[in-house]
């Protein structure tokens, strides 16, 4: 995760001036909020992802799946908390961390959510429906907003989910 963050920030620093768009908010407080969000959610999500993926005892899968869902709910909780700091226009602009603007908060956490296809293929995990759970509902809205953002949607092709899921076969089935 740390390498990805460093590389993403380097690319943003190098090309933001040329493109006119940065993934880093202008305000120092917003930059701090982005960093806090990433630090509070990414590590938990990545740890839960690998624990479930690597677990060889099927009797442990349900517990590990609950831990992964808890990590998704933690994302939703942090998003709900952050939403209260946005003004009405930002909140109305979309479900991204910064409202309608894609930021490091989105692109550093979302790829680990994108990898759920590996958990589905190897452990039968699917993201639960939100039902009445506000945290899962906010998570789902955020995921949909990131998925739909043109800078994200344009980076994937048909068949990518299966390709990425297959790349994790060695973690899920190390003896094969």
N, C-alpha and C. Protein backbone atom coordinates (compact mmCIF):
# COMPACT_ATOMS: atom_id res chain seq x y z
N UNK A 1 0.83 -1.19 0.00
CA UNK A 1 0.00 0.00 0.00
C UNK A 1 0.87 1.26 0.00
N UNK A 2 1.90 1.27 0.81
CA UNK A 2 2.73 2.46 0.91
C UNK A 2 3.36 2.79 -0.45
N UNK A 3 3.83 1.77 -1.17
CA UNK A 3 4.43 2.02 -2.47
C UNK A 3 3.41 2.63 -3.43
N UNK A 4 2.20 2.10 -3.42
CA UNK A 4 1.15 2.62 -4.30
C UNK A 4 0.86 4.08 -4.00
N UNK A 5 0.81 4.41 -2.74
CA UNK A 5 0.55 5.78 -2.32
C UNK A 5 1.65 6.72 -2.78
N UNK A 6 2.88 6.29 -2.61
CA UNK A 6 4.02 7.12 -3.01
C UNK A 6 4.02 7.32 -4.52
N UNK A 7 3.79 6.26 -5.27
CA UNK A 7 3.77 6.35 -6.73
C UNK A 7 2.62 7.25 -7.20
N UNK A 8 1.44 7.08 -6.61
CA UNK A 8 0.29 7.89 -7.00
C UNK A 8 0.55 9.37 -6.72
N UNK A 9 1.14 9.66 -5.58
CA UNK A 9 1.43 11.06 -5.24
C UNK A 9 2.51 11.63 -6.15
N UNK A 10 3.49 10.84 -6.50
CA UNK A 10 4.53 11.28 -7.44
C UNK A 10 3.91 11.65 -8.79
N UNK A 11 3.07 10.77 -9.31
CA UNK A 11 2.43 11.02 -10.61
C UNK A 11 1.56 12.26 -10.53
N UNK A 12 0.81 12.40 -9.43
CA UNK A 12 -0.04 13.57 -9.27
C UNK A 12 0.82 14.84 -9.22
N UNK A 13 1.89 14.82 -8.45
CA UNK A 13 2.78 15.97 -8.36
C UNK A 13 3.36 16.33 -9.73
N UNK A 14 3.75 15.32 -10.47
CA UNK A 14 4.41 15.54 -11.76
C UNK A 14 3.44 16.06 -12.84
N UNK A 15 2.20 15.57 -12.85
CA UNK A 15 1.30 15.87 -13.96
C UNK A 15 0.10 16.75 -13.61
N UNK A 16 -0.15 17.02 -12.35
CA UNK A 16 -1.34 17.80 -11.99
C UNK A 16 -1.32 19.19 -12.62
N UNK A 17 -0.17 19.84 -12.61
CA UNK A 17 -0.09 21.19 -13.18
C UNK A 17 -0.39 21.17 -14.68
N UNK A 18 0.10 20.14 -15.37
CA UNK A 18 -0.13 20.04 -16.82
C UNK A 18 -1.59 19.73 -17.14
N UNK A 19 -2.20 18.87 -16.31
CA UNK A 19 -3.58 18.45 -16.58
C UNK A 19 -4.61 19.42 -16.01
N UNK A 20 -4.21 20.20 -15.03
CA UNK A 20 -5.16 21.11 -14.40
C UNK A 20 -6.01 20.46 -13.34
N UNK A 21 -5.73 19.20 -13.03
CA UNK A 21 -6.51 18.49 -12.02
C UNK A 21 -5.56 17.73 -11.10
N UNK A 22 -5.84 17.79 -9.82
CA UNK A 22 -5.04 17.08 -8.84
C UNK A 22 -5.95 16.19 -8.00
N UNK A 23 -5.41 15.08 -7.57
CA UNK A 23 -6.15 14.19 -6.65
C UNK A 23 -6.00 14.65 -5.21
N UNK A 24 -5.17 15.64 -4.99
CA UNK A 24 -4.92 16.17 -3.67
C UNK A 24 -5.75 17.45 -3.51
N UNK A 25 -6.63 17.51 -2.52
CA UNK A 25 -7.42 18.73 -2.33
C UNK A 25 -6.51 19.94 -2.04
N UNK A 26 -6.99 21.11 -2.36
CA UNK A 26 -6.20 22.33 -2.15
C UNK A 26 -6.06 22.67 -0.67
N UNK A 27 -7.10 22.47 0.08
CA UNK A 27 -7.11 22.87 1.49
C UNK A 27 -6.26 21.92 2.34
N UNK A 28 -5.42 22.48 3.22
CA UNK A 28 -4.62 21.62 4.11
C UNK A 28 -5.49 20.72 5.00
N UNK A 29 -6.63 21.21 5.46
CA UNK A 29 -7.50 20.38 6.31
C UNK A 29 -8.08 19.23 5.50
N UNK A 30 -8.44 19.48 4.25
CA UNK A 30 -8.97 18.42 3.41
C UNK A 30 -7.89 17.39 3.07
N UNK A 31 -6.68 17.84 2.84
CA UNK A 31 -5.57 16.90 2.61
C UNK A 31 -5.37 16.02 3.84
N UNK A 32 -5.45 16.62 5.01
CA UNK A 32 -5.32 15.84 6.24
C UNK A 32 -6.47 14.85 6.38
N UNK A 33 -7.69 15.26 6.03
CA UNK A 33 -8.84 14.37 6.11
C UNK A 33 -8.67 13.18 5.16
N UNK A 34 -8.15 13.44 3.96
CA UNK A 34 -7.90 12.36 3.00
C UNK A 34 -6.89 11.38 3.59
N UNK A 35 -5.80 11.90 4.11
CA UNK A 35 -4.77 11.02 4.67
C UNK A 35 -5.30 10.21 5.85
N UNK A 36 -6.08 10.84 6.71
CA UNK A 36 -6.66 10.11 7.84
C UNK A 36 -7.60 9.00 7.37
N UNK A 37 -8.40 9.30 6.35
CA UNK A 37 -9.31 8.29 5.81
C UNK A 37 -8.54 7.09 5.27
N UNK A 38 -7.52 7.36 4.47
CA UNK A 38 -6.73 6.27 3.88
C UNK A 38 -6.06 5.46 4.98
N UNK A 39 -5.45 6.12 5.94
CA UNK A 39 -4.75 5.40 7.00
C UNK A 39 -5.69 4.61 7.89
N UNK A 40 -6.91 5.11 8.08
CA UNK A 40 -7.87 4.42 8.94
C UNK A 40 -8.57 3.26 8.25
N UNK A 41 -8.60 3.26 6.93
CA UNK A 41 -9.40 2.23 6.23
C UNK A 41 -8.58 1.25 5.40
N UNK A 42 -7.57 1.72 4.72
CA UNK A 42 -6.85 0.87 3.77
C UNK A 42 -6.17 -0.32 4.44
N UNK A 43 -5.45 -0.08 5.51
CA UNK A 43 -4.74 -1.18 6.18
C UNK A 43 -5.69 -2.24 6.69
N UNK A 44 -6.78 -1.82 7.29
CA UNK A 44 -7.79 -2.76 7.79
C UNK A 44 -8.38 -3.58 6.66
N UNK A 45 -8.68 -2.91 5.56
CA UNK A 45 -9.27 -3.58 4.39
C UNK A 45 -8.30 -4.58 3.78
N UNK A 46 -7.05 -4.18 3.60
CA UNK A 46 -6.05 -5.06 3.00
C UNK A 46 -5.79 -6.27 3.89
N UNK A 47 -5.68 -6.04 5.18
CA UNK A 47 -5.46 -7.14 6.12
C UNK A 47 -6.62 -8.13 6.08
N UNK A 48 -7.85 -7.63 6.10
CA UNK A 48 -9.02 -8.52 6.06
C UNK A 48 -9.10 -9.26 4.73
N UNK A 49 -8.74 -8.59 3.64
CA UNK A 49 -8.74 -9.21 2.31
C UNK A 49 -7.82 -10.43 2.31
N UNK A 50 -6.58 -10.24 2.72
CA UNK A 50 -5.61 -11.33 2.66
C UNK A 50 -5.90 -12.43 3.68
N UNK A 51 -6.44 -12.09 4.83
CA UNK A 51 -6.78 -13.13 5.80
C UNK A 51 -7.85 -14.06 5.24
N UNK A 52 -8.86 -13.48 4.63
CA UNK A 52 -9.91 -14.32 4.04
C UNK A 52 -9.38 -15.10 2.84
N UNK A 53 -8.65 -14.44 1.99
CA UNK A 53 -8.14 -15.10 0.79
C UNK A 53 -7.20 -16.26 1.12
N UNK A 54 -6.34 -16.07 2.11
CA UNK A 54 -5.33 -17.08 2.44
C UNK A 54 -5.85 -18.18 3.37
N UNK A 55 -6.99 -17.98 4.00
CA UNK A 55 -7.51 -18.96 4.96
C UNK A 55 -7.83 -20.28 4.26
N UNK A 56 -7.15 -21.34 4.69
CA UNK A 56 -7.33 -22.64 4.07
C UNK A 56 -8.41 -23.49 4.75
N UNK A 57 -8.78 -23.13 5.95
CA UNK A 57 -9.80 -23.89 6.70
C UNK A 57 -11.18 -23.32 6.39
N UNK A 58 -12.00 -24.06 5.64
CA UNK A 58 -13.34 -23.55 5.29
C UNK A 58 -14.19 -23.20 6.52
N UNK A 59 -13.92 -23.82 7.64
CA UNK A 59 -14.68 -23.50 8.85
C UNK A 59 -14.39 -22.08 9.34
N UNK A 60 -13.28 -21.52 8.90
CA UNK A 60 -12.90 -20.16 9.30
C UNK A 60 -13.36 -19.09 8.32
N UNK A 61 -13.85 -19.50 7.17
CA UNK A 61 -14.21 -18.53 6.13
C UNK A 61 -15.31 -17.56 6.56
N UNK A 62 -16.31 -18.05 7.26
CA UNK A 62 -17.42 -17.17 7.66
C UNK A 62 -16.91 -16.06 8.59
N UNK A 63 -16.08 -16.40 9.53
CA UNK A 63 -15.53 -15.40 10.43
C UNK A 63 -14.65 -14.39 9.71
N UNK A 64 -13.85 -14.88 8.78
CA UNK A 64 -12.99 -13.97 8.01
C UNK A 64 -13.83 -13.10 7.08
N UNK A 65 -14.91 -13.66 6.55
CA UNK A 65 -15.81 -12.87 5.70
C UNK A 65 -16.47 -11.75 6.52
N UNK A 66 -16.83 -12.07 7.76
CA UNK A 66 -17.40 -11.03 8.64
C UNK A 66 -16.39 -9.93 8.89
N UNK A 67 -15.13 -10.30 9.06
CA UNK A 67 -14.09 -9.29 9.28
C UNK A 67 -13.91 -8.41 8.04
N UNK A 68 -14.02 -9.00 6.85
CA UNK A 68 -13.92 -8.20 5.63
C UNK A 68 -15.11 -7.26 5.52
N UNK A 69 -16.30 -7.76 5.82
CA UNK A 69 -17.48 -6.90 5.80
C UNK A 69 -17.34 -5.78 6.82
N UNK A 70 -16.78 -6.08 7.98
CA UNK A 70 -16.54 -5.04 8.99
C UNK A 70 -15.60 -3.96 8.46
N UNK A 71 -14.62 -4.36 7.66
CA UNK A 71 -13.71 -3.38 7.06
C UNK A 71 -14.47 -2.49 6.06
N UNK A 72 -15.40 -3.07 5.31
CA UNK A 72 -16.21 -2.27 4.39
C UNK A 72 -17.11 -1.31 5.16
N UNK A 73 -17.66 -1.80 6.26
CA UNK A 73 -18.51 -0.95 7.09
C UNK A 73 -17.69 0.18 7.72
N UNK A 74 -16.43 -0.09 8.03
CA UNK A 74 -15.56 0.96 8.57
C UNK A 74 -15.35 2.07 7.54
N UNK A 75 -15.24 1.68 6.27
CA UNK A 75 -15.15 2.67 5.20
C UNK A 75 -16.42 3.51 5.20
N UNK A 76 -17.56 2.84 5.24
CA UNK A 76 -18.84 3.56 5.26
C UNK A 76 -18.97 4.48 6.46
N UNK A 77 -18.52 4.03 7.62
CA UNK A 77 -18.59 4.86 8.83
C UNK A 77 -17.73 6.11 8.68
N UNK A 78 -16.53 5.93 8.14
CA UNK A 78 -15.63 7.08 7.94
C UNK A 78 -16.21 8.04 6.90
N UNK A 79 -16.83 7.49 5.87
CA UNK A 79 -17.45 8.35 4.85
C UNK A 79 -18.61 9.15 5.45
N UNK A 80 -19.43 8.50 6.26
CA UNK A 80 -20.54 9.20 6.90
C UNK A 80 -20.02 10.31 7.81
N UNK A 81 -18.98 10.00 8.53
CA UNK A 81 -18.35 10.99 9.42
C UNK A 81 -17.83 12.18 8.60
N UNK A 82 -17.18 11.87 7.50
CA UNK A 82 -16.61 12.93 6.66
C UNK A 82 -17.69 13.73 5.95
N UNK A 83 -18.77 13.08 5.56
CA UNK A 83 -19.86 13.78 4.87
C UNK A 83 -20.35 14.98 5.68
N UNK A 84 -20.31 14.85 7.00
CA UNK A 84 -20.77 15.94 7.86
C UNK A 84 -19.88 17.18 7.76
N UNK A 85 -18.66 17.02 7.24
CA UNK A 85 -17.75 18.16 7.10
C UNK A 85 -17.89 18.83 5.73
N UNK A 86 -18.61 18.21 4.81
CA UNK A 86 -18.78 18.78 3.47
C UNK A 86 -19.96 19.73 3.45
N UNK A 87 -19.89 20.72 2.59
CA UNK A 87 -21.04 21.61 2.45
C UNK A 87 -22.11 20.94 1.59
N UNK A 88 -23.27 21.54 1.54
CA UNK A 88 -24.41 20.93 0.83
C UNK A 88 -24.10 20.70 -0.64
N UNK A 89 -23.39 21.63 -1.27
CA UNK A 89 -23.07 21.48 -2.69
C UNK A 89 -22.14 20.29 -2.92
N UNK A 90 -21.15 20.12 -2.05
CA UNK A 90 -20.23 18.99 -2.18
C UNK A 90 -20.97 17.67 -1.98
N UNK A 91 -21.83 17.60 -0.96
CA UNK A 91 -22.59 16.37 -0.70
C UNK A 91 -23.52 16.04 -1.85
N UNK A 92 -24.10 17.05 -2.49
CA UNK A 92 -25.02 16.83 -3.60
C UNK A 92 -24.28 16.43 -4.87
N UNK A 93 -22.98 16.71 -4.91
CA UNK A 93 -22.21 16.50 -6.13
C UNK A 93 -21.89 15.04 -6.42
N UNK A 94 -22.01 14.18 -5.45
CA UNK A 94 -21.71 12.78 -5.72
C UNK A 94 -21.24 12.07 -4.48
N UNK A 95 -21.08 10.78 -4.58
CA UNK A 95 -20.77 9.96 -3.42
C UNK A 95 -19.29 9.76 -3.14
N UNK A 96 -18.42 10.49 -3.83
CA UNK A 96 -16.99 10.34 -3.59
C UNK A 96 -16.62 10.94 -2.24
N UNK A 97 -15.41 10.68 -1.79
CA UNK A 97 -14.97 11.19 -0.49
C UNK A 97 -15.08 12.71 -0.44
N UNK A 98 -14.66 13.38 -1.49
CA UNK A 98 -14.73 14.84 -1.55
C UNK A 98 -15.97 15.31 -2.32
N UNK A 99 -17.03 14.56 -2.24
CA UNK A 99 -18.26 14.92 -2.94
C UNK A 99 -18.19 14.51 -4.39
N UNK A 100 -17.96 15.47 -5.28
CA UNK A 100 -17.90 15.18 -6.71
C UNK A 100 -16.49 15.09 -7.26
N UNK A 101 -15.48 15.30 -6.42
CA UNK A 101 -14.09 15.30 -6.89
C UNK A 101 -13.37 14.02 -6.48
N UNK A 102 -12.81 13.35 -7.47
CA UNK A 102 -12.00 12.17 -7.19
C UNK A 102 -10.74 12.61 -6.45
N UNK A 103 -10.37 11.87 -5.41
CA UNK A 103 -9.20 12.23 -4.62
C UNK A 103 -8.39 10.98 -4.27
N UNK A 104 -7.26 11.22 -3.61
CA UNK A 104 -6.44 10.10 -3.15
C UNK A 104 -7.25 9.19 -2.22
N UNK A 105 -8.19 9.74 -1.49
CA UNK A 105 -9.02 8.91 -0.60
C UNK A 105 -9.72 7.82 -1.39
N UNK A 106 -10.16 8.15 -2.57
CA UNK A 106 -10.87 7.19 -3.41
C UNK A 106 -9.91 6.22 -4.11
N UNK A 107 -8.88 6.76 -4.72
CA UNK A 107 -8.04 5.89 -5.56
C UNK A 107 -7.06 5.02 -4.78
N UNK A 108 -6.83 5.34 -3.53
CA UNK A 108 -5.92 4.49 -2.74
C UNK A 108 -6.65 3.39 -1.99
N UNK A 109 -7.95 3.54 -1.79
CA UNK A 109 -8.74 2.52 -1.08
C UNK A 109 -9.53 1.66 -2.06
N UNK A 110 -10.12 2.27 -3.06
CA UNK A 110 -11.01 1.58 -3.99
C UNK A 110 -10.39 0.34 -4.66
N UNK A 111 -9.12 0.37 -5.07
CA UNK A 111 -8.59 -0.83 -5.75
C UNK A 111 -8.71 -2.11 -4.92
N UNK A 112 -8.69 -1.98 -3.61
CA UNK A 112 -8.83 -3.17 -2.76
C UNK A 112 -10.27 -3.65 -2.72
N UNK A 113 -11.20 -2.74 -2.94
CA UNK A 113 -12.60 -3.13 -3.06
C UNK A 113 -12.80 -3.80 -4.42
N UNK A 114 -12.13 -3.29 -5.41
CA UNK A 114 -12.21 -3.87 -6.77
C UNK A 114 -11.78 -5.33 -6.78
N UNK A 115 -10.90 -5.70 -5.87
CA UNK A 115 -10.38 -7.07 -5.82
C UNK A 115 -11.35 -8.08 -5.20
N UNK A 116 -12.54 -7.65 -4.84
CA UNK A 116 -13.51 -8.57 -4.24
C UNK A 116 -13.79 -9.75 -5.16
N UNK A 117 -13.61 -9.58 -6.45
CA UNK A 117 -13.83 -10.70 -7.37
C UNK A 117 -12.94 -11.89 -7.01
N UNK A 118 -11.76 -11.63 -6.47
CA UNK A 118 -10.89 -12.72 -6.04
C UNK A 118 -11.50 -13.45 -4.84
N UNK A 119 -12.09 -12.69 -3.94
CA UNK A 119 -12.74 -13.32 -2.78
C UNK A 119 -13.99 -14.08 -3.21
N UNK A 120 -14.69 -13.56 -4.20
CA UNK A 120 -15.88 -14.24 -4.70
C UNK A 120 -15.48 -15.57 -5.35
N UNK A 121 -14.47 -15.52 -6.19
CA UNK A 121 -14.04 -16.73 -6.90
C UNK A 121 -13.48 -17.79 -5.95
N UNK A 122 -12.64 -17.36 -5.03
CA UNK A 122 -11.91 -18.32 -4.21
C UNK A 122 -12.56 -18.63 -2.86
N UNK A 123 -13.41 -17.73 -2.35
CA UNK A 123 -14.01 -17.94 -1.04
C UNK A 123 -15.52 -17.77 -1.01
N UNK A 124 -16.12 -17.49 -2.17
CA UNK A 124 -17.57 -17.36 -2.24
C UNK A 124 -18.10 -16.09 -1.59
N UNK A 125 -17.26 -15.13 -1.36
CA UNK A 125 -17.68 -13.90 -0.67
C UNK A 125 -18.32 -12.93 -1.66
N UNK A 126 -19.41 -12.33 -1.24
CA UNK A 126 -20.00 -11.22 -1.98
C UNK A 126 -20.29 -10.11 -0.98
N UNK A 127 -20.20 -8.90 -1.45
CA UNK A 127 -20.50 -7.76 -0.59
C UNK A 127 -21.99 -7.83 -0.24
N UNK A 128 -22.31 -7.81 1.05
CA UNK A 128 -23.72 -7.92 1.42
C UNK A 128 -24.51 -6.68 1.03
N UNK A 129 -25.80 -6.88 0.78
CA UNK A 129 -26.69 -5.75 0.52
C UNK A 129 -26.78 -4.92 1.79
N UNK A 130 -26.96 -3.63 1.62
CA UNK A 130 -26.96 -2.73 2.77
C UNK A 130 -28.15 -2.95 3.68
N UNK A 131 -29.30 -3.29 3.09
CA UNK A 131 -30.48 -3.40 3.93
C UNK A 131 -30.68 -2.09 4.67
N UNK A 132 -30.82 -2.17 5.98
CA UNK A 132 -30.99 -0.96 6.79
C UNK A 132 -29.69 -0.47 7.40
N UNK A 133 -28.58 -1.02 6.99
CA UNK A 133 -27.28 -0.64 7.57
C UNK A 133 -26.75 0.62 6.88
N UNK A 134 -26.72 1.73 7.62
CA UNK A 134 -26.29 3.01 7.05
C UNK A 134 -24.83 2.97 6.61
N UNK A 135 -23.99 2.26 7.31
CA UNK A 135 -22.58 2.19 6.95
C UNK A 135 -22.39 1.44 5.63
N UNK A 136 -23.06 0.30 5.48
CA UNK A 136 -22.97 -0.43 4.22
C UNK A 136 -23.61 0.34 3.07
N UNK A 137 -24.69 1.05 3.36
CA UNK A 137 -25.35 1.86 2.33
C UNK A 137 -24.41 2.97 1.85
N UNK A 138 -23.74 3.63 2.77
CA UNK A 138 -22.81 4.70 2.37
C UNK A 138 -21.62 4.12 1.62
N UNK A 139 -21.13 2.96 2.09
CA UNK A 139 -20.05 2.29 1.37
C UNK A 139 -20.49 1.99 -0.06
N UNK A 140 -21.69 1.42 -0.24
CA UNK A 140 -22.19 1.05 -1.57
C UNK A 140 -22.32 2.28 -2.47
N UNK A 141 -22.78 3.40 -1.91
CA UNK A 141 -22.90 4.63 -2.70
C UNK A 141 -21.52 5.13 -3.12
N UNK A 142 -20.56 5.04 -2.22
CA UNK A 142 -19.19 5.45 -2.54
C UNK A 142 -18.60 4.55 -3.63
N UNK A 143 -18.76 3.24 -3.47
CA UNK A 143 -18.23 2.29 -4.46
C UNK A 143 -18.84 2.57 -5.83
N UNK A 144 -20.14 2.78 -5.88
CA UNK A 144 -20.81 3.07 -7.15
C UNK A 144 -20.30 4.37 -7.77
N UNK A 145 -20.06 5.38 -6.94
CA UNK A 145 -19.56 6.66 -7.45
C UNK A 145 -18.15 6.51 -8.00
N UNK A 146 -17.29 5.77 -7.31
CA UNK A 146 -15.93 5.58 -7.81
C UNK A 146 -15.97 4.74 -9.09
N UNK A 147 -16.74 3.66 -9.07
CA UNK A 147 -16.86 2.81 -10.26
C UNK A 147 -17.30 3.60 -11.49
N UNK A 148 -18.20 4.55 -11.29
CA UNK A 148 -18.79 5.30 -12.40
C UNK A 148 -17.95 6.50 -12.83
N UNK A 149 -16.99 6.90 -12.03
CA UNK A 149 -16.20 8.08 -12.39
C UNK A 149 -15.45 7.79 -13.69
N UNK A 150 -15.48 8.71 -14.65
CA UNK A 150 -14.85 8.45 -15.96
C UNK A 150 -13.36 8.08 -15.87
N UNK A 151 -12.64 8.66 -14.92
CA UNK A 151 -11.22 8.34 -14.79
C UNK A 151 -10.99 6.92 -14.31
N UNK A 152 -11.98 6.34 -13.66
CA UNK A 152 -11.89 4.96 -13.17
C UNK A 152 -12.52 4.01 -14.16
N UNK A 153 -13.73 4.32 -14.58
CA UNK A 153 -14.48 3.42 -15.48
C UNK A 153 -13.72 3.16 -16.77
N UNK A 154 -12.98 4.14 -17.24
CA UNK A 154 -12.26 3.99 -18.49
C UNK A 154 -11.01 3.14 -18.41
N UNK A 155 -10.67 2.67 -17.22
CA UNK A 155 -9.44 1.89 -17.07
C UNK A 155 -9.67 0.39 -17.08
N UNK A 156 -10.91 -0.03 -17.20
CA UNK A 156 -11.20 -1.46 -17.16
C UNK A 156 -11.90 -1.93 -18.43
N UNK A 157 -11.69 -3.21 -18.71
CA UNK A 157 -12.29 -3.83 -19.88
C UNK A 157 -13.09 -5.06 -19.45
N UNK A 158 -13.88 -5.55 -20.36
CA UNK A 158 -14.61 -6.80 -20.14
C UNK A 158 -13.60 -7.91 -19.84
N UNK A 159 -13.87 -8.69 -18.81
CA UNK A 159 -12.99 -9.80 -18.46
C UNK A 159 -11.95 -9.47 -17.40
N UNK A 160 -11.83 -8.20 -17.04
CA UNK A 160 -10.83 -7.82 -16.04
C UNK A 160 -11.08 -8.47 -14.68
N UNK A 161 -12.34 -8.56 -14.29
CA UNK A 161 -12.66 -9.15 -12.98
C UNK A 161 -12.12 -10.58 -12.89
N UNK A 162 -12.35 -11.36 -13.93
CA UNK A 162 -11.88 -12.75 -13.93
C UNK A 162 -10.35 -12.80 -13.95
N UNK A 163 -9.74 -11.93 -14.72
CA UNK A 163 -8.29 -11.88 -14.79
C UNK A 163 -7.69 -11.59 -13.42
N UNK A 164 -8.21 -10.56 -12.75
CA UNK A 164 -7.67 -10.20 -11.44
C UNK A 164 -7.94 -11.29 -10.41
N UNK A 165 -9.09 -11.90 -10.48
CA UNK A 165 -9.40 -12.98 -9.54
C UNK A 165 -8.42 -14.13 -9.71
N UNK A 166 -8.10 -14.43 -10.95
CA UNK A 166 -7.17 -15.53 -11.23
C UNK A 166 -5.76 -15.23 -10.71
N UNK A 167 -5.38 -13.96 -10.70
CA UNK A 167 -4.05 -13.58 -10.24
C UNK A 167 -3.84 -13.89 -8.76
N UNK A 168 -4.92 -14.06 -8.03
CA UNK A 168 -4.82 -14.36 -6.60
C UNK A 168 -4.94 -15.85 -6.29
N UNK A 169 -4.95 -16.68 -7.30
CA UNK A 169 -5.07 -18.14 -7.09
C UNK A 169 -3.96 -18.68 -6.19
N UNK A 170 -2.76 -18.19 -6.34
CA UNK A 170 -1.64 -18.68 -5.53
C UNK A 170 -1.81 -18.39 -4.06
N UNK A 171 -2.45 -17.29 -3.73
CA UNK A 171 -2.72 -16.97 -2.31
C UNK A 171 -3.83 -17.85 -1.76
N UNK A 172 -4.85 -18.08 -2.58
CA UNK A 172 -6.00 -18.84 -2.14
C UNK A 172 -5.72 -20.34 -2.08
N UNK A 173 -4.91 -20.81 -3.00
CA UNK A 173 -4.60 -22.24 -3.09
C UNK A 173 -3.10 -22.43 -3.25
N UNK A 174 -2.34 -22.21 -2.20
CA UNK A 174 -0.88 -22.23 -2.33
C UNK A 174 -0.29 -23.59 -2.71
N UNK A 175 -1.02 -24.65 -2.48
CA UNK A 175 -0.48 -25.98 -2.78
C UNK A 175 -0.61 -26.36 -4.25
N UNK A 176 -1.36 -25.59 -5.02
CA UNK A 176 -1.57 -25.92 -6.44
C UNK A 176 -0.50 -25.37 -7.31
